[in-house]
Amino acid sequence: TGLIVERTTTDPALAAAILARPENYYVNVHTAACPTGTIRGQLA
């Protein structure tokens, strides 16, 4: 268990698009042990 916080910057237009239609985007978490992806979550 735990919390990992990592931040990144993005283009303001992309951020606005995600906020306007989050259902069109997802988060995919990759690790060294699972480089193809270990968790995928659809935004809503």
N, C-alpha and C. Protein backbone atom coordinates (compact mmCIF):
# COMPACT_ATOMS: atom_id res chain seq x y z
N THR A 1 0.84 -1.17 0.00
CA THR A 1 0.00 0.00 0.00
C THR A 1 0.89 1.23 0.00
N GLY A 2 0.34 2.31 -0.44
CA GLY A 2 1.11 3.54 -0.45
C GLY A 2 0.55 4.51 -1.47
N LEU A 3 1.22 5.61 -1.54
CA LEU A 3 0.80 6.67 -2.45
C LEU A 3 2.02 7.12 -3.23
N ILE A 4 1.88 7.15 -4.54
CA ILE A 4 2.94 7.65 -5.40
C ILE A 4 2.40 8.88 -6.10
N VAL A 5 3.14 9.96 -5.99
CA VAL A 5 2.72 11.20 -6.63
C VAL A 5 3.80 11.61 -7.61
N GLU A 6 3.42 11.72 -8.85
CA GLU A 6 4.34 12.22 -9.87
C GLU A 6 3.58 13.23 -10.70
N ARG A 7 4.22 14.32 -10.98
CA ARG A 7 3.57 15.40 -11.72
C ARG A 7 4.23 15.56 -13.07
N THR A 8 3.45 16.06 -13.99
CA THR A 8 3.95 16.35 -15.32
C THR A 8 3.26 17.61 -15.81
N THR A 9 3.79 18.19 -16.83
CA THR A 9 3.14 19.36 -17.42
C THR A 9 2.53 18.96 -18.75
N THR A 10 1.50 19.67 -19.14
CA THR A 10 0.86 19.39 -20.41
C THR A 10 0.43 20.69 -21.05
N ASP A 11 0.12 20.61 -22.30
CA ASP A 11 -0.36 21.76 -23.05
C ASP A 11 -1.70 22.23 -22.48
N PRO A 12 -1.89 23.52 -22.27
CA PRO A 12 -3.16 24.01 -21.72
C PRO A 12 -4.38 23.60 -22.55
N ALA A 13 -4.23 23.51 -23.86
CA ALA A 13 -5.36 23.11 -24.70
C ALA A 13 -5.74 21.65 -24.43
N LEU A 14 -4.75 20.79 -24.23
CA LEU A 14 -5.03 19.40 -23.91
C LEU A 14 -5.70 19.28 -22.54
N ALA A 15 -5.21 20.03 -21.57
CA ALA A 15 -5.83 20.02 -20.24
C ALA A 15 -7.28 20.46 -20.32
N ALA A 16 -7.57 21.47 -21.10
CA ALA A 16 -8.95 21.95 -21.26
C ALA A 16 -9.81 20.88 -21.93
N ALA A 17 -9.26 20.19 -22.92
CA ALA A 17 -10.00 19.13 -23.61
C ALA A 17 -10.32 17.98 -22.66
N ILE A 18 -9.36 17.61 -21.82
CA ILE A 18 -9.59 16.54 -20.84
C ILE A 18 -10.68 16.95 -19.85
N LEU A 19 -10.62 18.18 -19.38
CA LEU A 19 -11.63 18.66 -18.43
C LEU A 19 -13.01 18.74 -19.07
N ALA A 20 -13.07 19.09 -20.35
CA ALA A 20 -14.35 19.22 -21.04
C ALA A 20 -14.98 17.87 -21.36
N ARG A 21 -14.15 16.86 -21.71
CA ARG A 21 -14.67 15.54 -22.10
C ARG A 21 -13.81 14.44 -21.51
N PRO A 22 -13.77 14.30 -20.19
CA PRO A 22 -12.88 13.31 -19.58
C PRO A 22 -13.15 11.87 -20.03
N GLU A 23 -14.38 11.59 -20.43
CA GLU A 23 -14.71 10.23 -20.85
C GLU A 23 -13.95 9.79 -22.10
N ASN A 24 -13.33 10.72 -22.80
CA ASN A 24 -12.55 10.40 -23.99
C ASN A 24 -11.09 10.06 -23.67
N TYR A 25 -10.73 10.02 -22.38
CA TYR A 25 -9.33 9.84 -21.99
C TYR A 25 -9.21 8.76 -20.92
N TYR A 26 -8.02 8.21 -20.80
CA TYR A 26 -7.74 7.22 -19.78
C TYR A 26 -6.33 7.40 -19.24
N VAL A 27 -6.08 6.77 -18.10
CA VAL A 27 -4.76 6.77 -17.47
C VAL A 27 -4.22 5.35 -17.58
N ASN A 28 -2.98 5.22 -17.98
CA ASN A 28 -2.34 3.92 -18.08
C ASN A 28 -1.04 3.97 -17.28
N VAL A 29 -0.92 3.09 -16.28
CA VAL A 29 0.26 3.07 -15.41
C VAL A 29 1.20 1.96 -15.86
N HIS A 30 2.45 2.31 -16.08
CA HIS A 30 3.49 1.37 -16.46
C HIS A 30 4.53 1.31 -15.36
N THR A 31 5.14 0.15 -15.17
CA THR A 31 6.24 -0.01 -14.22
C THR A 31 7.39 -0.73 -14.91
N ALA A 32 8.54 -0.73 -14.27
CA ALA A 32 9.68 -1.47 -14.82
C ALA A 32 9.36 -2.96 -14.91
N ALA A 33 8.60 -3.47 -13.95
CA ALA A 33 8.24 -4.88 -13.93
C ALA A 33 7.15 -5.22 -14.95
N CYS A 34 6.37 -4.23 -15.34
CA CYS A 34 5.28 -4.45 -16.29
C CYS A 34 5.25 -3.29 -17.29
N PRO A 35 6.21 -3.26 -18.22
CA PRO A 35 6.34 -2.12 -19.12
C PRO A 35 5.19 -1.94 -20.11
N THR A 36 4.38 -2.97 -20.31
CA THR A 36 3.25 -2.82 -21.23
C THR A 36 2.02 -2.24 -20.55
N GLY A 37 2.09 -2.06 -19.26
CA GLY A 37 0.98 -1.46 -18.52
C GLY A 37 0.47 -2.40 -17.45
N THR A 38 0.28 -1.87 -16.27
CA THR A 38 -0.19 -2.68 -15.15
C THR A 38 -1.59 -2.30 -14.70
N ILE A 39 -1.98 -1.04 -14.91
CA ILE A 39 -3.31 -0.56 -14.55
C ILE A 39 -3.77 0.40 -15.64
N ARG A 40 -5.03 0.28 -16.04
CA ARG A 40 -5.62 1.23 -16.97
C ARG A 40 -6.94 1.67 -16.39
N GLY A 41 -7.17 2.98 -16.35
CA GLY A 41 -8.41 3.49 -15.79
C GLY A 41 -9.03 4.55 -16.69
N GLN A 42 -10.27 4.34 -17.05
CA GLN A 42 -11.01 5.29 -17.88
C GLN A 42 -11.43 6.47 -17.02
N LEU A 43 -11.25 7.68 -17.51
CA LEU A 43 -11.74 8.86 -16.79
C LEU A 43 -13.23 9.00 -17.02
N ALA A 44 -13.90 9.65 -16.12
CA ALA A 44 -15.35 9.81 -16.26
C ALA A 44 -15.75 11.21 -15.91
